[in-house]
Each structure stands twice: as C-alpha cells, then as structure tokens.
Amino acid sequence: MTPREEELIAREMLERPELLGIRLKEKRWADVAALVRYVRHDVPADLAMTDPALFKTLRDQITLFHLRGGGALNLATLERLAADANALGGHETASATYGG
C-alpha cells in the first residue's frame, strides 16, 4: 500500500468512526494499522496555514479517535497481524490487537 493510499484509508476511517469496528471485525489489519500510523503522525502543521478548515476537521477527528479508545491500539501488533494475515491468506485472530 502506498503512503497516499494509507492516508486515504485513514482519513475515511476518521470521517466515519464506525468503520474502525467493522474493519477490526473483518480482520483488515493493514487498514487499521494505516489509521494508527496516520494518527500518530498527527495532522501536518503546514495544513493549518494552507487549509485551516481541513486542519481543524482532522484534529477534531483525531481527538474523537482518542476519546473513543483508539490510542489503545498497538501498532506493532497490528503490523504483525497484517503480515501474518498476508502470509496465511487472511486468517488471523484479534486477540492481541489491544495492549502494550
């Protein structure tokens, strides 16, 4: 997945928070990992100058993501699950998705 594809997936999931639960249930680990990576890098600061409305919208969406418990998602575990799912043809469990 390209960085742009990851950004589009993450922004879609931020815009529609219900997608996180759906993608976790569907075991789409790479999509969830893309979201967590995007949130960790935060919104580019220069966006505040070039598109203040989009900057505020993304900041608000990231805040909501954290308030809903998204900060508990473990990126390393999600990346491992995504790699395992690719190697195994998409069959992996969600037992280790949360935690440190």
N, C-alpha and C. Protein backbone atom coordinates (compact mmCIF):
# COMPACT_ATOMS: atom_id res chain seq x y z
N MET A 1 0.85 -1.17 0.00
CA MET A 1 0.00 0.00 0.00
C MET A 1 0.91 1.24 0.00
N THR A 2 0.56 2.20 -0.84
CA THR A 2 1.36 3.43 -0.92
C THR A 2 0.99 4.35 0.24
N PRO A 3 1.87 5.30 0.56
CA PRO A 3 1.55 6.27 1.62
C PRO A 3 0.25 7.03 1.34
N ARG A 4 0.00 7.36 0.10
CA ARG A 4 -1.24 8.08 -0.25
C ARG A 4 -2.46 7.20 -0.01
N GLU A 5 -2.37 5.92 -0.37
CA GLU A 5 -3.48 5.00 -0.12
C GLU A 5 -3.75 4.87 1.38
N GLU A 6 -2.66 4.78 2.16
CA GLU A 6 -2.81 4.71 3.61
C GLU A 6 -3.50 5.96 4.15
N GLU A 7 -3.10 7.12 3.64
CA GLU A 7 -3.70 8.38 4.10
C GLU A 7 -5.19 8.41 3.78
N LEU A 8 -5.56 7.99 2.59
CA LEU A 8 -6.97 7.99 2.20
C LEU A 8 -7.79 7.03 3.05
N ILE A 9 -7.24 5.87 3.34
CA ILE A 9 -7.92 4.90 4.20
C ILE A 9 -8.09 5.49 5.60
N ALA A 10 -7.02 6.07 6.13
CA ALA A 10 -7.07 6.65 7.48
C ALA A 10 -8.07 7.79 7.56
N ARG A 11 -8.06 8.66 6.57
CA ARG A 11 -8.98 9.79 6.59
C ARG A 11 -10.44 9.34 6.46
N GLU A 12 -10.67 8.30 5.67
CA GLU A 12 -12.03 7.76 5.57
C GLU A 12 -12.48 7.19 6.92
N MET A 13 -11.58 6.47 7.59
CA MET A 13 -11.91 5.88 8.88
C MET A 13 -12.09 6.94 9.96
N LEU A 14 -11.37 8.04 9.88
CA LEU A 14 -11.56 9.13 10.83
C LEU A 14 -12.90 9.83 10.59
N GLU A 15 -13.26 9.96 9.33
CA GLU A 15 -14.51 10.62 8.98
C GLU A 15 -15.72 9.77 9.38
N ARG A 16 -15.55 8.46 9.30
CA ARG A 16 -16.63 7.53 9.64
C ARG A 16 -16.13 6.57 10.72
N PRO A 17 -16.17 6.98 11.99
CA PRO A 17 -15.60 6.20 13.09
C PRO A 17 -16.13 4.77 13.20
N GLU A 18 -17.35 4.53 12.73
CA GLU A 18 -17.90 3.18 12.80
C GLU A 18 -17.10 2.18 11.95
N LEU A 19 -16.34 2.68 10.99
CA LEU A 19 -15.53 1.79 10.15
C LEU A 19 -14.44 1.08 10.93
N LEU A 20 -13.97 1.67 12.01
CA LEU A 20 -12.91 1.01 12.80
C LEU A 20 -13.40 -0.33 13.31
N GLY A 21 -14.57 -0.35 13.92
CA GLY A 21 -15.12 -1.61 14.42
C GLY A 21 -15.36 -2.61 13.31
N ILE A 22 -15.84 -2.13 12.18
CA ILE A 22 -16.09 -3.01 11.04
C ILE A 22 -14.80 -3.62 10.54
N ARG A 23 -13.78 -2.78 10.38
CA ARG A 23 -12.50 -3.29 9.84
C ARG A 23 -11.81 -4.22 10.82
N LEU A 24 -11.97 -3.97 12.13
CA LEU A 24 -11.43 -4.91 13.11
C LEU A 24 -12.14 -6.25 13.01
N LYS A 25 -13.46 -6.21 12.90
CA LYS A 25 -14.24 -7.44 12.79
C LYS A 25 -13.89 -8.20 11.52
N GLU A 26 -13.63 -7.48 10.44
CA GLU A 26 -13.28 -8.09 9.17
C GLU A 26 -11.79 -8.50 9.12
N LYS A 27 -11.06 -8.19 10.20
CA LYS A 27 -9.63 -8.50 10.30
C LYS A 27 -8.81 -7.84 9.18
N ARG A 28 -9.15 -6.60 8.90
CA ARG A 28 -8.42 -5.82 7.90
C ARG A 28 -7.32 -5.03 8.63
N TRP A 29 -6.35 -5.79 9.12
CA TRP A 29 -5.30 -5.25 9.99
C TRP A 29 -4.50 -4.15 9.32
N ALA A 30 -4.21 -4.27 8.04
CA ALA A 30 -3.41 -3.26 7.34
C ALA A 30 -4.14 -1.91 7.34
N ASP A 31 -5.46 -1.93 7.17
CA ASP A 31 -6.23 -0.69 7.19
C ASP A 31 -6.20 -0.05 8.57
N VAL A 32 -6.37 -0.87 9.60
CA VAL A 32 -6.36 -0.34 10.97
C VAL A 32 -4.96 0.18 11.31
N ALA A 33 -3.93 -0.52 10.87
CA ALA A 33 -2.55 -0.06 11.11
C ALA A 33 -2.31 1.27 10.40
N ALA A 34 -2.85 1.43 9.19
CA ALA A 34 -2.70 2.69 8.46
C ALA A 34 -3.33 3.84 9.25
N LEU A 35 -4.49 3.58 9.85
CA LEU A 35 -5.15 4.59 10.66
C LEU A 35 -4.30 4.97 11.87
N VAL A 36 -3.79 3.98 12.58
CA VAL A 36 -2.99 4.25 13.78
C VAL A 36 -1.72 5.02 13.41
N ARG A 37 -1.08 4.63 12.31
CA ARG A 37 0.12 5.35 11.86
C ARG A 37 -0.21 6.81 11.55
N TYR A 38 -1.31 7.03 10.85
CA TYR A 38 -1.71 8.40 10.48
C TYR A 38 -1.96 9.24 11.73
N VAL A 39 -2.67 8.67 12.68
CA VAL A 39 -2.99 9.39 13.91
C VAL A 39 -1.72 9.70 14.70
N ARG A 40 -0.79 8.77 14.74
CA ARG A 40 0.46 9.01 15.48
C ARG A 40 1.29 10.12 14.87
N HIS A 41 1.23 10.27 13.55
CA HIS A 41 1.98 11.35 12.90
C HIS A 41 1.26 12.69 12.99
N ASP A 42 -0.01 12.64 13.36
CA ASP A 42 -0.84 13.83 13.53
C ASP A 42 -1.01 14.56 12.20
N VAL A 43 -1.74 15.64 12.23
CA VAL A 43 -2.02 16.44 11.05
C VAL A 43 -0.81 17.33 10.77
N PRO A 44 -0.37 17.39 9.51
CA PRO A 44 0.77 18.25 9.19
C PRO A 44 0.49 19.70 9.60
N ALA A 45 1.44 20.30 10.30
CA ALA A 45 1.26 21.67 10.82
C ALA A 45 1.05 22.68 9.70
N ASP A 46 1.67 22.47 8.55
CA ASP A 46 1.53 23.45 7.46
C ASP A 46 0.10 23.47 6.90
N LEU A 47 -0.67 22.43 7.18
CA LEU A 47 -2.06 22.40 6.74
C LEU A 47 -2.88 23.48 7.45
N ALA A 48 -2.46 23.86 8.64
CA ALA A 48 -3.16 24.92 9.37
C ALA A 48 -3.11 26.25 8.61
N MET A 49 -2.06 26.44 7.85
CA MET A 49 -1.92 27.67 7.07
C MET A 49 -2.57 27.54 5.69
N THR A 50 -2.44 26.38 5.07
CA THR A 50 -2.94 26.21 3.71
C THR A 50 -4.42 25.87 3.65
N ASP A 51 -4.93 25.15 4.65
CA ASP A 51 -6.35 24.77 4.68
C ASP A 51 -6.79 24.64 6.13
N PRO A 52 -7.04 25.78 6.79
CA PRO A 52 -7.38 25.76 8.21
C PRO A 52 -8.63 24.92 8.54
N ALA A 53 -9.61 24.91 7.65
CA ALA A 53 -10.83 24.15 7.92
C ALA A 53 -10.54 22.64 7.93
N LEU A 54 -9.77 22.18 6.97
CA LEU A 54 -9.40 20.76 6.93
C LEU A 54 -8.54 20.41 8.13
N PHE A 55 -7.61 21.28 8.49
CA PHE A 55 -6.77 21.05 9.66
C PHE A 55 -7.62 20.86 10.90
N LYS A 56 -8.58 21.76 11.11
CA LYS A 56 -9.44 21.66 12.30
C LYS A 56 -10.28 20.39 12.26
N THR A 57 -10.82 20.07 11.11
CA THR A 57 -11.63 18.85 10.97
C THR A 57 -10.81 17.62 11.33
N LEU A 58 -9.61 17.51 10.77
CA LEU A 58 -8.77 16.34 11.05
C LEU A 58 -8.36 16.29 12.52
N ARG A 59 -8.03 17.44 13.10
CA ARG A 59 -7.67 17.48 14.53
C ARG A 59 -8.85 17.01 15.39
N ASP A 60 -10.04 17.47 15.05
CA ASP A 60 -11.23 17.06 15.80
C ASP A 60 -11.48 15.56 15.65
N GLN A 61 -11.28 15.03 14.46
CA GLN A 61 -11.49 13.61 14.22
C GLN A 61 -10.45 12.77 14.98
N ILE A 62 -9.22 13.23 15.02
CA ILE A 62 -8.18 12.51 15.76
C ILE A 62 -8.47 12.56 17.25
N THR A 63 -8.94 13.69 17.74
CA THR A 63 -9.32 13.78 19.16
C THR A 63 -10.43 12.79 19.47
N LEU A 64 -11.43 12.72 18.63
CA LEU A 64 -12.53 11.78 18.82
C LEU A 64 -12.02 10.34 18.79
N PHE A 65 -11.10 10.04 17.89
CA PHE A 65 -10.49 8.71 17.81
C PHE A 65 -9.87 8.33 19.16
N HIS A 66 -9.14 9.27 19.76
CA HIS A 66 -8.50 9.01 21.06
C HIS A 66 -9.55 8.89 22.17
N LEU A 67 -10.55 9.73 22.15
CA LEU A 67 -11.59 9.68 23.18
C LEU A 67 -12.38 8.37 23.13
N ARG A 68 -12.48 7.79 21.96
CA ARG A 68 -13.17 6.50 21.80
C ARG A 68 -12.27 5.31 22.11
N GLY A 69 -11.03 5.56 22.52
CA GLY A 69 -10.14 4.48 22.93
C GLY A 69 -9.17 4.02 21.87
N GLY A 70 -9.09 4.72 20.75
CA GLY A 70 -8.20 4.32 19.66
C GLY A 70 -6.73 4.32 20.04
N GLY A 71 -6.38 5.10 21.05
CA GLY A 71 -4.98 5.13 21.48
C GLY A 71 -4.51 3.83 22.08
N ALA A 72 -5.45 2.94 22.41
CA ALA A 72 -5.08 1.64 22.98
C ALA A 72 -4.64 0.64 21.91
N LEU A 73 -4.86 0.96 20.65
CA LEU A 73 -4.45 0.05 19.58
C LEU A 73 -2.94 0.00 19.49
N ASN A 74 -2.41 -1.20 19.42
CA ASN A 74 -0.97 -1.41 19.39
C ASN A 74 -0.51 -1.55 17.94
N LEU A 75 0.24 -0.55 17.45
CA LEU A 75 0.67 -0.54 16.06
C LEU A 75 1.54 -1.74 15.71
N ALA A 76 2.48 -2.09 16.57
CA ALA A 76 3.36 -3.22 16.29
C ALA A 76 2.56 -4.52 16.14
N THR A 77 1.57 -4.69 16.99
CA THR A 77 0.74 -5.90 16.92
C THR A 77 -0.09 -5.89 15.64
N LEU A 78 -0.66 -4.74 15.29
CA LEU A 78 -1.44 -4.65 14.06
C LEU A 78 -0.59 -4.95 12.83
N GLU A 79 0.63 -4.43 12.82
CA GLU A 79 1.53 -4.70 11.69
C GLU A 79 1.89 -6.18 11.61
N ARG A 80 2.09 -6.81 12.76
CA ARG A 80 2.40 -8.24 12.78
C ARG A 80 1.20 -9.04 12.28
N LEU A 81 0.00 -8.68 12.76
CA LEU A 81 -1.20 -9.36 12.31
C LEU A 81 -1.42 -9.20 10.81
N ALA A 82 -1.15 -8.01 10.29
CA ALA A 82 -1.29 -7.77 8.85
C ALA A 82 -0.31 -8.63 8.07
N ALA A 83 0.93 -8.70 8.54
CA ALA A 83 1.94 -9.52 7.87
C ALA A 83 1.57 -11.00 7.93
N ASP A 84 1.11 -11.44 9.11
CA ASP A 84 0.70 -12.84 9.27
C ASP A 84 -0.50 -13.16 8.39
N ALA A 85 -1.45 -12.23 8.32
CA ALA A 85 -2.65 -12.45 7.51
C ALA A 85 -2.28 -12.58 6.03
N ASN A 86 -1.32 -11.77 5.58
CA ASN A 86 -0.87 -11.88 4.20
C ASN A 86 -0.21 -13.22 3.95
N ALA A 87 0.59 -13.67 4.90
CA ALA A 87 1.30 -14.94 4.75
C ALA A 87 0.35 -16.14 4.83
N LEU A 88 -0.72 -15.98 5.63
CA LEU A 88 -1.65 -17.10 5.85
C LEU A 88 -2.92 -16.98 5.02
N GLY A 89 -2.99 -16.02 4.16
CA GLY A 89 -4.17 -15.87 3.33
C GLY A 89 -5.33 -15.17 4.01
N GLY A 90 -5.06 -14.38 5.05
CA GLY A 90 -6.08 -13.56 5.69
C GLY A 90 -6.73 -14.15 6.92
N HIS A 91 -6.22 -15.28 7.46
CA HIS A 91 -6.83 -15.88 8.64
C HIS A 91 -5.95 -15.62 9.86
N GLU A 92 -6.44 -14.72 10.72
CA GLU A 92 -5.70 -14.35 11.92
C GLU A 92 -6.69 -13.94 12.99
N THR A 93 -6.32 -14.03 14.24
CA THR A 93 -7.24 -13.70 15.32
C THR A 93 -7.01 -12.28 15.82
N ALA A 94 -7.99 -11.74 16.51
CA ALA A 94 -7.91 -10.38 17.02
C ALA A 94 -7.46 -10.34 18.47
N SER A 95 -7.05 -11.43 19.05
CA SER A 95 -6.79 -11.49 20.50
C SER A 95 -5.69 -10.55 20.96
N ALA A 96 -4.73 -10.21 20.12
CA ALA A 96 -3.61 -9.39 20.56
C ALA A 96 -3.67 -7.98 19.98
N THR A 97 -4.81 -7.54 19.51
CA THR A 97 -4.91 -6.22 18.88
C THR A 97 -4.73 -5.10 19.89
N TYR A 98 -5.27 -5.25 21.08
CA TYR A 98 -5.15 -4.21 22.11
C TYR A 98 -4.02 -4.55 23.06
N GLY A 99 -3.45 -3.53 23.64
CA GLY A 99 -2.43 -3.76 24.68
C GLY A 99 -1.10 -3.15 24.32
N GLY A 100 -0.19 -3.26 25.26
CA GLY A 100 1.12 -2.63 25.11
C GLY A 100 2.11 -3.59 24.77
